Amino acid sequence: MLQALRATKAERNAEDGRKREEVLRVNAERERESALASKALAELNEYVADVNLAHQSILSGNLARAQDLLARHQSESKKRFEWRYLWHAAQGDEHQIIAKEPSRVLSIANSPELLVVGLREAVNIYGSKTGSLIKSLAKPGNSVAISSGGLLATAGKNSVRVWRTSDWAETLALTNYSAPIAFSSDGRWLAANSRGGIRVVDSSTGQLVAEIPDSMPPFAFNPAGHVIVVDTREGILLWDLKAGTGLRLLNDSQGVFNHAGFGMRDRHALAFSPSFRSTLPTVFLLRSRFHRMGVFWLRAPNRSTIPRMQFVLGTRRLEKW
């Protein structure tokens, strides 16, 4: 009898042990499922956030950033319609990668023979046809410009330098000048920013040709090289370099660059049409994160006057369309 009671008690204890084990197992399974669900939710939230950021990057023209965001989910998201759509859009038009730089690209200039890439602490020169590195200058490249006369100008925050492209010898150094810079079409004159306003100098001697009072970037020469357009507090001004006086202010152009930020003033955001009959900000360079600028002209420009070649700035690689 005693042995039977003991056997019954052992069986009951074993059954209770099995029940406790079953409860623990069920709880462990639930916790595992909950953890997996939390992980899946976190991954989904990360995916949604990256897709939204990629979409915004595509709209702002930063295709490289969009590709980086979408590539994080490439393995598991190829079947999703929105991922495939954005991935295709992030590839942009047919293009080729010209150069991959170790730091952010700040400026570019190109000619039939050369492609110049300005970085924070260097200026790299590539062959336009081969894409191979020809020369690297250990100077700031906040702004770069190539003249038709075989000169290259580079600018930092406090100085502008001119180089001869035939042997890369430095021919001119200007202090108290800064980015941005631009050559006239014949390469005779060089314009640069300064504390006193936009200055135009002889690109060979550095002799001052003109200093436009109360002027500021952006600016551009007309095709003939005798007129420069600049921004002022009163508006966008056309300045006659031969006469040394202003020609006219563009109507309703006052303050057009005030909300674009300092970065926009460091770029070539003003351009003449080839016929010199219109002066307009180039639309594809006048977009910032928060503003889209207006277009001003002396007469309606022909769509064909807008260059077909575009470069992407601000990334570590240079692409051409």
C-alpha atoms as a PDB file:
ATOM      1  CA  MET A   1       0.000   0.000   0.000  1.00  0.00           C
ATOM      2  CA  LEU A   2       2.770   2.447   0.960  1.00  0.00           C
ATOM      3  CA  GLN A   3       4.638   1.650  -2.211  1.00  0.00           C
ATOM      4  CA  ALA A   4       1.518   2.316  -4.276  1.00  0.00           C
ATOM      5  CA  LEU A   5       1.049   5.728  -2.605  1.00  0.00           C
ATOM      6  CA  ARG A   6       4.659   6.568  -3.271  1.00  0.00           C
ATOM      7  CA  ALA A   7       4.325   5.532  -6.912  1.00  0.00           C
ATOM      8  CA  THR A   8       1.162   7.632  -7.290  1.00  0.00           C
ATOM      9  CA  LYS A   9       2.875  10.643  -5.711  1.00  0.00           C
ATOM     10  CA  ALA A  10       5.898  10.221  -8.008  1.00  0.00           C
ATOM     11  CA  GLU A  11       3.640  10.057 -11.035  1.00  0.00           C
ATOM     12  CA  ARG A  12       1.804  13.185  -9.850  1.00  0.00           C
ATOM     13  CA  ASN A  13       5.107  15.013  -9.330  1.00  0.00           C
ATOM     14  CA  ALA A  14       6.308  13.919 -12.744  1.00  0.00           C
ATOM     15  CA  GLU A  15       3.055  15.116 -14.307  1.00  0.00           C
ATOM     16  CA  ASP A  16       3.357  18.452 -12.505  1.00  0.00           C
ATOM     17  CA  GLY A  17       6.932  18.701 -13.768  1.00  0.00           C
ATOM     18  CA  ARG A  18       5.812  18.038 -17.309  1.00  0.00           C
ATOM     19  CA  LYS A  19       3.099  20.696 -17.009  1.00  0.00           C
ATOM     20  CA  ARG A  20       5.562  23.249 -15.637  1.00  0.00           C
ATOM     21  CA  GLU A  21       7.970  22.374 -18.432  1.00  0.00           C
ATOM     22  CA  GLU A  22       5.166  22.781 -20.980  1.00  0.00           C
ATOM     23  CA  VAL A  23       4.246  26.185 -19.518  1.00  0.00           C
ATOM     24  CA  LEU A  24       7.873  27.301 -19.609  1.00  0.00           C
ATOM     25  CA  ARG A  25       8.213  26.057 -23.181  1.00  0.00           C
ATOM     26  CA  VAL A  26       5.049  27.865 -24.270  1.00  0.00           C
ATOM     27  CA  ASN A  27       6.218  31.055 -22.557  1.00  0.00           C
ATOM     28  CA  ALA A  28       9.617  30.748 -24.219  1.00  0.00           C
ATOM     29  CA  GLU A  29       7.965  30.284 -27.619  1.00  0.00           C
ATOM     30  CA  ARG A  30       5.766  33.318 -27.015  1.00  0.00           C
ATOM     31  CA  GLU A  31       8.748  35.419 -25.975  1.00  0.00           C
ATOM     32  CA  ARG A  32      10.632  34.244 -29.063  1.00  0.00           C
ATOM     33  CA  GLU A  33       7.709  35.081 -31.337  1.00  0.00           C
ATOM     34  CA  SER A  34       7.360  38.457 -29.626  1.00  0.00           C
ATOM     35  CA  ALA A  35      11.064  39.150 -30.089  1.00  0.00           C
ATOM     36  CA  LEU A  36      10.877  38.149 -33.758  1.00  0.00           C
ATOM     37  CA  ALA A  37       7.813  40.332 -34.224  1.00  0.00           C
ATOM     38  CA  SER A  38       9.603  43.261 -32.567  1.00  0.00           C
ATOM     39  CA  LYS A  39      12.642  42.692 -34.768  1.00  0.00           C
ATOM     40  CA  ALA A  40      10.480  42.500 -37.884  1.00  0.00           C
ATOM     41  CA  LEU A  41       8.664  45.673 -36.852  1.00  0.00           C
ATOM     42  CA  ALA A  42      11.973  47.435 -36.239  1.00  0.00           C
ATOM     43  CA  GLU A  43      13.279  46.297 -39.624  1.00  0.00           C
ATOM     44  CA  LEU A  44      10.054  47.417 -41.282  1.00  0.00           C
ATOM     45  CA  ASN A  45      10.263  50.810 -39.600  1.00  0.00           C
ATOM     46  CA  GLU A  46      13.885  51.142 -40.723  1.00  0.00           C
ATOM     47  CA  TYR A  47      12.906  50.123 -44.259  1.00  0.00           C
ATOM     48  CA  VAL A  48      10.064  52.646 -44.403  1.00  0.00           C
ATOM     49  CA  ALA A  49      12.326  55.410 -43.073  1.00  0.00           C
ATOM     50  CA  ASP A  50      15.106  54.637 -45.573  1.00  0.00           C
ATOM     51  CA  VAL A  51      12.650  54.416 -48.472  1.00  0.00           C
ATOM     52  CA  ASN A  52      11.183  57.808 -47.555  1.00  0.00           C
ATOM     53  CA  LEU A  53      14.675  59.320 -47.267  1.00  0.00           C
ATOM     54  CA  ALA A  54      15.654  57.769 -50.600  1.00  0.00           C
ATOM     55  CA  HIS A  55      12.571  59.269 -52.223  1.00  0.00           C
ATOM     56  CA  GLN A  56      13.443  62.717 -50.885  1.00  0.00           C
ATOM     57  CA  SER A  57      17.060  62.304 -52.040  1.00  0.00           C
ATOM     58  CA  ILE A  58      15.878  61.475 -55.565  1.00  0.00           C
ATOM     59  CA  LEU A  59      13.623  64.533 -55.618  1.00  0.00           C
ATOM     60  CA  SER A  60      16.542  66.744 -54.518  1.00  0.00           C
ATOM     61  CA  GLY A  61      18.863  65.213 -57.115  1.00  0.00           C
ATOM     62  CA  ASN A  62      21.162  63.369 -54.669  1.00  0.00           C
ATOM     63  CA  LEU A  63      21.071  60.026 -56.465  1.00  0.00           C
ATOM     64  CA  ALA A  64      24.190  58.667 -54.772  1.00  0.00           C
ATOM     65  CA  ARG A  65      22.597  59.119 -51.344  1.00  0.00           C
ATOM     66  CA  ALA A  66      19.410  57.425 -52.562  1.00  0.00           C
ATOM     67  CA  GLN A  67      21.368  54.444 -53.862  1.00  0.00           C
ATOM     68  CA  ASP A  68      23.191  54.073 -50.531  1.00  0.00           C
ATOM     69  CA  LEU A  69      19.904  54.091 -48.598  1.00  0.00           C
ATOM     70  CA  LEU A  70      18.210  51.565 -50.882  1.00  0.00           C
ATOM     71  CA  ALA A  71      21.251  49.281 -51.029  1.00  0.00           C
ATOM     72  CA  ARG A  72      20.817  48.533 -47.304  1.00  0.00           C
ATOM     73  CA  HIS A  73      17.644  46.603 -48.154  1.00  0.00           C
ATOM     74  CA  GLN A  74      18.650  45.178 -51.494  1.00  0.00           C
ATOM     75  CA  SER A  75      18.701  41.495 -50.520  1.00  0.00           C
ATOM     76  CA  GLU A  76      15.233  41.288 -48.973  1.00  0.00           C
ATOM     77  CA  SER A  77      13.346  44.063 -50.765  1.00  0.00           C
ATOM     78  CA  LYS A  78      13.777  43.355 -54.463  1.00  0.00           C
ATOM     79  CA  LYS A  79      10.248  41.955 -54.646  1.00  0.00           C
ATOM     80  CA  ARG A  80       8.695  45.134 -53.270  1.00  0.00           C
ATOM     81  CA  PHE A  81       7.271  47.404 -55.947  1.00  0.00           C
ATOM     82  CA  GLU A  82       8.254  50.660 -54.234  1.00  0.00           C
ATOM     83  CA  TRP A  83      11.857  49.514 -53.753  1.00  0.00           C
ATOM     84  CA  ARG A  84      12.230  48.457 -57.399  1.00  0.00           C
ATOM     85  CA  TYR A  85      10.654  51.721 -58.579  1.00  0.00           C
ATOM     86  CA  LEU A  86      12.936  53.908 -56.459  1.00  0.00           C
ATOM     87  CA  TRP A  87      16.014  51.818 -57.255  1.00  0.00           C
ATOM     88  CA  HIS A  88      15.379  52.329 -60.964  1.00  0.00           C
ATOM     89  CA  ALA A  89      14.790  56.069 -60.440  1.00  0.00           C
ATOM     90  CA  ALA A  90      18.003  56.359 -58.382  1.00  0.00           C
ATOM     91  CA  GLN A  91      20.084  55.146 -61.324  1.00  0.00           C
ATOM     92  CA  GLY A  92      19.283  58.370 -63.179  1.00  0.00           C
ATOM     93  CA  ASP A  93      19.847  58.768 -66.894  1.00  0.00           C
ATOM     94  CA  GLU A  94      22.533  56.821 -68.683  1.00  0.00           C
ATOM     95  CA  HIS A  95      25.848  58.011 -67.262  1.00  0.00           C
ATOM     96  CA  GLN A  96      29.369  57.010 -66.382  1.00  0.00           C
ATOM     97  CA  ILE A  97      31.408  57.407 -63.217  1.00  0.00           C
ATOM     98  CA  ILE A  98      34.389  59.567 -64.076  1.00  0.00           C
ATOM     99  CA  ALA A  99      36.193  59.743 -60.758  1.00  0.00           C
ATOM    100  CA  LYS A 100      35.825  58.679 -57.143  1.00  0.00           C
ATOM    101  CA  GLU A 101      37.349  61.158 -54.725  1.00  0.00           C
ATOM    102  CA  PRO A 102      38.440  60.707 -51.086  1.00  0.00           C
ATOM    103  CA  SER A 103      36.405  63.736 -49.981  1.00  0.00           C
ATOM    104  CA  ARG A 104      33.466  65.855 -51.032  1.00  0.00           C
ATOM    105  CA  VAL A 105      33.565  67.439 -54.494  1.00  0.00           C
ATOM    106  CA  LEU A 106      33.275  71.223 -54.092  1.00  0.00           C
ATOM    107  CA  SER A 107      33.674  72.448 -57.670  1.00  0.00           C
ATOM    108  CA  ILE A 108      34.306  71.326 -61.232  1.00  0.00           C
ATOM    109  CA  ALA A 109      35.446  72.796 -64.540  1.00  0.00           C
ATOM    110  CA  ASN A 110      35.845  71.081 -67.877  1.00  0.00           C
ATOM    111  CA  SER A 111      37.300  71.643 -71.321  1.00  0.00           C
ATOM    112  CA  PRO A 112      37.603  69.323 -74.324  1.00  0.00           C
ATOM    113  CA  GLU A 113      40.895  68.032 -72.897  1.00  0.00           C
ATOM    114  CA  LEU A 114      40.598  68.394 -69.117  1.00  0.00           C
ATOM    115  CA  LEU A 115      38.205  67.773 -66.264  1.00  0.00           C
ATOM    116  CA  VAL A 116      39.146  69.631 -63.072  1.00  0.00           C
ATOM    117  CA  VAL A 117      37.749  68.518 -59.706  1.00  0.00           C
ATOM    118  CA  GLY A 118      38.056  70.834 -56.706  1.00  0.00           C
ATOM    119  CA  LEU A 119      38.256  69.312 -53.234  1.00  0.00           C
ATOM    120  CA  ARG A 120      38.746  70.907 -49.840  1.00  0.00           C
ATOM    121  CA  GLU A 121      42.522  70.421 -49.811  1.00  0.00           C
ATOM    122  CA  ALA A 122      43.386  69.457 -53.386  1.00  0.00           C
ATOM    123  CA  VAL A 123      42.569  70.003 -57.043  1.00  0.00           C
ATOM    124  CA  ASN A 124      42.648  66.903 -59.252  1.00  0.00           C
ATOM    125  CA  ILE A 125      42.931  67.163 -63.029  1.00  0.00           C
ATOM    126  CA  TYR A 126      41.733  64.286 -65.226  1.00  0.00           C
ATOM    127  CA  GLY A 127      41.813  63.678 -68.948  1.00  0.00           C
ATOM    128  CA  SER A 128      38.324  64.296 -70.334  1.00  0.00           C
ATOM    129  CA  LYS A 129      38.534  61.399 -72.771  1.00  0.00           C
ATOM    130  CA  THR A 130      40.531  58.864 -70.769  1.00  0.00           C
ATOM    131  CA  GLY A 131      39.399  59.684 -67.235  1.00  0.00           C
ATOM    132  CA  SER A 132      42.965  59.132 -66.006  1.00  0.00           C
ATOM    133  CA  LEU A 133      44.525  61.412 -63.393  1.00  0.00           C
ATOM    134  CA  ILE A 134      46.946  63.880 -64.992  1.00  0.00           C
ATOM    135  CA  LYS A 135      47.886  66.166 -62.108  1.00  0.00           C
ATOM    136  CA  SER A 136      47.017  66.823 -58.479  1.00  0.00           C
ATOM    137  CA  LEU A 137      47.569  70.272 -56.967  1.00  0.00           C
ATOM    138  CA  ALA A 138      47.825  70.504 -53.184  1.00  0.00           C
ATOM    139  CA  LYS A 139      45.719  73.671 -52.985  1.00  0.00           C
ATOM    140  CA  PRO A 140      42.084  74.276 -51.985  1.00  0.00           C
ATOM    141  CA  GLY A 141      39.513  73.786 -54.723  1.00  0.00           C
ATOM    142  CA  ASN A 142      36.513  75.688 -53.366  1.00  0.00           C
ATOM    143  CA  SER A 143      36.159  77.026 -56.908  1.00  0.00           C
ATOM    144  CA  VAL A 144      37.966  76.176 -60.161  1.00  0.00           C
ATOM    145  CA  ALA A 145      37.886  77.646 -63.669  1.00  0.00           C
ATOM    146  CA  ILE A 146      39.588  76.867 -67.008  1.00  0.00           C
ATOM    147  CA  SER A 147      40.334  79.504 -69.631  1.00  0.00           C
ATOM    148  CA  SER A 148      40.501  79.046 -73.391  1.00  0.00           C
ATOM    149  CA  GLY A 149      44.057  80.384 -73.240  1.00  0.00           C
ATOM    150  CA  GLY A 150      45.455  77.409 -71.345  1.00  0.00           C
ATOM    151  CA  LEU A 151      45.103  78.697 -67.774  1.00  0.00           C
ATOM    152  CA  LEU A 152      43.573  77.093 -64.698  1.00  0.00           C
ATOM    153  CA  ALA A 153      42.420  79.167 -61.720  1.00  0.00           C
ATOM    154  CA  THR A 154      41.851  77.708 -58.266  1.00  0.00           C
ATOM    155  CA  ALA A 155      40.400  79.465 -55.239  1.00  0.00           C
ATOM    156  CA  GLY A 156      40.239  78.919 -51.511  1.00  0.00           C
ATOM    157  CA  LYS A 157      38.827  81.075 -48.742  1.00  0.00           C
ATOM    158  CA  ASN A 158      41.613  83.692 -48.818  1.00  0.00           C
ATOM    159  CA  SER A 159      43.546  83.332 -52.062  1.00  0.00           C
ATOM    160  CA  VAL A 160      43.268  82.709 -55.794  1.00  0.00           C
ATOM    161  CA  ARG A 161      45.987  81.046 -57.884  1.00  0.00           C
ATOM    162  CA  VAL A 162      46.478  80.741 -61.632  1.00  0.00           C
ATOM    163  CA  TRP A 163      48.301  77.805 -63.253  1.00  0.00           C
ATOM    164  CA  ARG A 164      49.569  77.175 -66.770  1.00  0.00           C
ATOM    165  CA  THR A 165      48.076  73.921 -68.025  1.00  0.00           C
ATOM    166  CA  SER A 166      50.980  73.144 -70.358  1.00  0.00           C
ATOM    167  CA  ASP A 167      53.420  72.505 -67.484  1.00  0.00           C
ATOM    168  CA  TRP A 168      51.254  73.190 -64.367  1.00  0.00           C
ATOM    169  CA  ALA A 169      53.513  76.064 -63.289  1.00  0.00           C
ATOM    170  CA  GLU A 170      51.936  78.639 -60.963  1.00  0.00           C
ATOM    171  CA  THR A 171      51.849  81.979 -62.798  1.00  0.00           C
ATOM    172  CA  LEU A 172      49.851  84.180 -60.435  1.00  0.00           C
ATOM    173  CA  ALA A 173      48.888  84.297 -56.754  1.00  0.00           C
ATOM    174  CA  LEU A 174      46.304  86.762 -55.443  1.00  0.00           C
ATOM    175  CA  THR A 175      45.729  87.271 -51.715  1.00  0.00           C
ATOM    176  CA  ASN A 176      42.538  88.651 -50.179  1.00  0.00           C
ATOM    177  CA  TYR A 177      40.563  87.107 -53.029  1.00  0.00           C
ATOM    178  CA  SER A 178      38.241  84.130 -52.600  1.00  0.00           C
ATOM    179  CA  ALA A 179      35.805  81.759 -54.301  1.00  0.00           C
ATOM    180  CA  PRO A 180      33.936  81.748 -56.574  1.00  0.00           C
ATOM    181  CA  ILE A 181      35.997  82.560 -59.675  1.00  0.00           C
ATOM    182  CA  ALA A 182      35.372  82.771 -63.417  1.00  0.00           C
ATOM    183  CA  PHE A 183      37.322  83.536 -66.595  1.00  0.00           C
ATOM    184  CA  SER A 184      36.050  85.679 -69.439  1.00  0.00           C
ATOM    185  CA  SER A 185      35.458  83.742 -72.653  1.00  0.00           C
ATOM    186  CA  ASP A 186      38.842  84.724 -74.120  1.00  0.00           C
ATOM    187  CA  GLY A 187      40.672  84.055 -70.830  1.00  0.00           C
ATOM    188  CA  ARG A 188      41.917  87.625 -70.647  1.00  0.00           C
ATOM    189  CA  TRP A 189      40.109  88.559 -67.447  1.00  0.00           C
ATOM    190  CA  LEU A 190      39.523  86.712 -64.205  1.00  0.00           C
ATOM    191  CA  ALA A 191      36.730  87.577 -61.771  1.00  0.00           C
ATOM    192  CA  ALA A 192      36.780  86.651 -58.091  1.00  0.00           C
ATOM    193  CA  ASN A 193      35.070  87.520 -54.848  1.00  0.00           C
ATOM    194  CA  SER A 194      36.641  89.848 -52.263  1.00  0.00           C
ATOM    195  CA  ARG A 195      35.624  91.738 -49.145  1.00  0.00           C
ATOM    196  CA  GLY A 196      35.134  94.906 -51.182  1.00  0.00           C
ATOM    197  CA  GLY A 197      32.977  93.229 -53.804  1.00  0.00           C
ATOM    198  CA  ILE A 198      33.511  91.423 -57.081  1.00  0.00           C
ATOM    199  CA  ARG A 199      36.887  92.221 -58.641  1.00  0.00           C
ATOM    200  CA  VAL A 200      38.059  91.636 -62.199  1.00  0.00           C
ATOM    201  CA  VAL A 201      41.799  91.357 -62.856  1.00  0.00           C
ATOM    202  CA  ASP A 202      44.075  90.708 -65.797  1.00  0.00           C
ATOM    203  CA  SER A 203      44.645  86.938 -65.689  1.00  0.00           C
ATOM    204  CA  SER A 204      48.286  87.307 -66.783  1.00  0.00           C
ATOM    205  CA  THR A 205      49.480  90.176 -64.585  1.00  0.00           C
ATOM    206  CA  GLY A 206      46.930  90.341 -61.783  1.00  0.00           C
ATOM    207  CA  GLN A 207      46.356  94.042 -62.493  1.00  0.00           C
ATOM    208  CA  LEU A 208      42.980  95.261 -61.249  1.00  0.00           C
ATOM    209  CA  VAL A 209      40.558  95.966 -64.086  1.00  0.00           C
ATOM    210  CA  ALA A 210      37.359  96.670 -62.157  1.00  0.00           C
ATOM    211  CA  GLU A 211      35.917  96.535 -58.662  1.00  0.00           C
ATOM    212  CA  ILE A 212      32.127  96.600 -58.608  1.00  0.00           C
ATOM    213  CA  PRO A 213      30.895  98.332 -55.436  1.00  0.00           C
ATOM    214  CA  ASP A 214      28.422  96.582 -53.136  1.00  0.00           C
ATOM    215  CA  SER A 215      28.487  93.493 -55.340  1.00  0.00           C
ATOM    216  CA  MET A 216      28.528  89.831 -54.363  1.00  0.00           C
ATOM    217  CA  PRO A 217      28.378  86.371 -55.932  1.00  0.00           C
ATOM    218  CA  PRO A 218      27.067  84.811 -58.050  1.00  0.00           C
ATOM    219  CA  PHE A 219      28.430  86.409 -61.233  1.00  0.00           C
ATOM    220  CA  ALA A 220      29.175  85.585 -64.875  1.00  0.00           C
ATOM    221  CA  PHE A 221      30.812  87.115 -67.957  1.00  0.00           C
ATOM    222  CA  ASN A 222      28.881  87.620 -71.165  1.00  0.00           C
ATOM    223  CA  PRO A 223      30.150  85.684 -74.239  1.00  0.00           C
ATOM    224  CA  ALA A 224      32.027  88.715 -75.563  1.00  0.00           C
ATOM    225  CA  GLY A 225      33.745  89.232 -72.222  1.00  0.00           C
ATOM    226  CA  HIS A 226      33.088  92.972 -71.840  1.00  0.00           C
ATOM    227  CA  VAL A 227      30.048  92.695 -69.528  1.00  0.00           C
ATOM    228  CA  ILE A 228      29.778  90.923 -66.182  1.00  0.00           C
ATOM    229  CA  VAL A 229      26.533  90.231 -64.322  1.00  0.00           C
ATOM    230  CA  VAL A 230      26.640  90.273 -60.497  1.00  0.00           C
ATOM    231  CA  ASP A 231      24.249  90.288 -57.582  1.00  0.00           C
ATOM    232  CA  THR A 232      23.861  93.448 -55.490  1.00  0.00           C
ATOM    233  CA  ARG A 233      21.609  94.651 -52.684  1.00  0.00           C
ATOM    234  CA  GLU A 234      19.480  96.413 -55.279  1.00  0.00           C
ATOM    235  CA  GLY A 235      19.223  93.396 -57.560  1.00  0.00           C
ATOM    236  CA  ILE A 236      21.053  91.614 -60.377  1.00  0.00           C
ATOM    237  CA  LEU A 237      23.297  94.152 -62.131  1.00  0.00           C
ATOM    238  CA  LEU A 238      24.913  94.153 -65.589  1.00  0.00           C
ATOM    239  CA  TRP A 239      28.267  95.962 -65.442  1.00  0.00           C
ATOM    240  CA  ASP A 240      30.154  97.295 -68.480  1.00  0.00           C
ATOM    241  CA  LEU A 241      33.858  96.547 -67.929  1.00  0.00           C
ATOM    242  CA  LYS A 242      35.055  98.832 -70.728  1.00  0.00           C
ATOM    243  CA  ALA A 243      33.058 101.832 -69.572  1.00  0.00           C
ATOM    244  CA  GLY A 244      33.467 101.014 -65.888  1.00  0.00           C
ATOM    245  CA  THR A 245      29.813 101.617 -65.117  1.00  0.00           C
ATOM    246  CA  GLY A 246      26.562  99.743 -64.589  1.00  0.00           C
ATOM    247  CA  LEU A 247      24.332  99.075 -67.591  1.00  0.00           C
ATOM    248  CA  ARG A 248      21.058  98.124 -65.924  1.00  0.00           C
ATOM    249  CA  LEU A 249      19.375  96.277 -63.073  1.00  0.00           C
ATOM    250  CA  LEU A 250      17.127  93.352 -63.932  1.00  0.00           C
ATOM    251  CA  ASN A 251      13.514  94.033 -63.032  1.00  0.00           C
ATOM    252  CA  ASP A 252      12.206  92.417 -59.838  1.00  0.00           C
ATOM    253  CA  SER A 253      15.559  90.755 -59.142  1.00  0.00           C
ATOM    254  CA  GLN A 254      16.254  92.260 -55.720  1.00  0.00           C
ATOM    255  CA  GLY A 255      16.899  89.643 -53.047  1.00  0.00           C
ATOM    256  CA  VAL A 256      16.528  86.689 -55.406  1.00  0.00           C
ATOM    257  CA  PHE A 257      19.469  84.879 -53.772  1.00  0.00           C
ATOM    258  CA  ASN A 258      18.792  85.916 -50.166  1.00  0.00           C
ATOM    259  CA  HIS A 259      17.128  82.613 -49.223  1.00  0.00           C
ATOM    260  CA  ALA A 260      19.412  80.328 -51.184  1.00  0.00           C
ATOM    261  CA  GLY A 261      22.146  80.172 -48.534  1.00  0.00           C
ATOM    262  CA  PHE A 262      25.846  80.975 -48.781  1.00  0.00           C
ATOM    263  CA  GLY A 263      26.555  77.729 -50.616  1.00  0.00           C
ATOM    264  CA  MET A 264      24.504  78.865 -53.607  1.00  0.00           C
ATOM    265  CA  ARG A 265      26.521  82.078 -53.866  1.00  0.00           C
ATOM    266  CA  ASP A 266      29.683  80.000 -54.219  1.00  0.00           C
ATOM    267  CA  ARG A 267      28.401  78.359 -57.394  1.00  0.00           C
ATOM    268  CA  HIS A 268      27.868  79.498 -60.965  1.00  0.00           C
ATOM    269  CA  ALA A 269      24.186  80.278 -60.471  1.00  0.00           C
ATOM    270  CA  LEU A 270      24.088  83.006 -63.129  1.00  0.00           C
ATOM    271  CA  ALA A 271      24.691  82.468 -66.834  1.00  0.00           C
ATOM    272  CA  PHE A 272      24.296  84.257 -70.161  1.00  0.00           C
ATOM    273  CA  SER A 273      22.691  82.711 -73.183  1.00  0.00           C
ATOM    274  CA  PRO A 274      25.134  82.316 -76.115  1.00  0.00           C
ATOM    275  CA  SER A 275      23.461  85.192 -77.946  1.00  0.00           C
ATOM    276  CA  PHE A 276      23.837  87.562 -74.942  1.00  0.00           C
ATOM    277  CA  ARG A 277      20.159  88.442 -75.347  1.00  0.00           C
ATOM    278  CA  SER A 278      19.143  86.805 -72.112  1.00  0.00           C
ATOM    279  CA  THR A 279      20.574  86.590 -68.632  1.00  0.00           C
ATOM    280  CA  LEU A 280      19.171  83.855 -66.456  1.00  0.00           C
ATOM    281  CA  PRO A 281      20.001  81.797 -63.380  1.00  0.00           C
ATOM    282  CA  THR A 282      20.627  78.209 -64.492  1.00  0.00           C
ATOM    283  CA  VAL A 283      17.698  76.316 -63.050  1.00  0.00           C
ATOM    284  CA  PHE A 284      19.516  73.030 -62.386  1.00  0.00           C
ATOM    285  CA  LEU A 285      21.991  74.825 -60.088  1.00  0.00           C
ATOM    286  CA  LEU A 286      19.460  77.051 -58.367  1.00  0.00           C
ATOM    287  CA  ARG A 287      17.795  74.418 -56.230  1.00  0.00           C
ATOM    288  CA  SER A 288      18.526  74.251 -52.520  1.00  0.00           C
ATOM    289  CA  ARG A 289      16.991  72.077 -49.826  1.00  0.00           C
ATOM    290  CA  PHE A 290      14.318  74.587 -48.946  1.00  0.00           C
ATOM    291  CA  HIS A 291      13.895  76.974 -51.878  1.00  0.00           C
ATOM    292  CA  ARG A 292      13.482  77.037 -55.632  1.00  0.00           C
ATOM    293  CA  MET A 293      14.568  80.308 -57.142  1.00  0.00           C
ATOM    294  CA  GLY A 294      12.851  82.262 -59.888  1.00  0.00           C
ATOM    295  CA  VAL A 295      14.174  82.781 -63.415  1.00  0.00           C
ATOM    296  CA  PHE A 296      14.863  86.259 -64.771  1.00  0.00           C
ATOM    297  CA  TRP A 297      15.615  87.106 -68.377  1.00  0.00           C
ATOM    298  CA  LEU A 298      15.716  89.990 -70.836  1.00  0.00           C
ATOM    299  CA  ARG A 299      13.752  87.878 -73.275  1.00  0.00           C
ATOM    300  CA  ALA A 300      12.422  84.341 -73.107  1.00  0.00           C
ATOM    301  CA  PRO A 301      15.385  81.963 -73.476  1.00  0.00           C
ATOM    302  CA  ASN A 302      15.418  79.107 -75.926  1.00  0.00           C
ATOM    303  CA  ARG A 303      15.452  75.700 -74.241  1.00  0.00           C
ATOM    304  CA  SER A 304      18.437  74.741 -76.403  1.00  0.00           C
ATOM    305  CA  THR A 305      20.600  77.296 -74.603  1.00  0.00           C
ATOM    306  CA  ILE A 306      20.590  75.207 -71.415  1.00  0.00           C
ATOM    307  CA  PRO A 307      23.655  72.917 -71.381  1.00  0.00           C
ATOM    308  CA  ARG A 308      22.996  69.203 -71.720  1.00  0.00           C
ATOM    309  CA  MET A 309      26.041  68.217 -69.661  1.00  0.00           C
ATOM    310  CA  GLN A 310      25.395  68.240 -65.930  1.00  0.00           C
ATOM    311  CA  PHE A 311      27.626  67.267 -63.031  1.00  0.00           C
ATOM    312  CA  VAL A 312      26.683  66.312 -59.492  1.00  0.00           C
ATOM    313  CA  LEU A 313      28.448  68.246 -56.729  1.00  0.00           C
ATOM    314  CA  GLY A 314      28.619  67.501 -53.033  1.00  0.00           C
ATOM    315  CA  THR A 315      29.228  63.758 -53.280  1.00  0.00           C
ATOM    316  CA  ARG A 316      32.468  61.791 -53.361  1.00  0.00           C
ATOM    317  CA  ARG A 317      32.117  60.663 -56.936  1.00  0.00           C
ATOM    318  CA  LEU A 318      31.718  62.575 -60.159  1.00  0.00           C
ATOM    319  CA  GLU A 319      29.145  61.427 -62.680  1.00  0.00           C
ATOM    320  CA  LYS A 320      28.374  62.761 -66.150  1.00  0.00           C
ATOM    321  CA  TRP A 321      25.067  62.651 -68.017  1.00  0.00           C
END
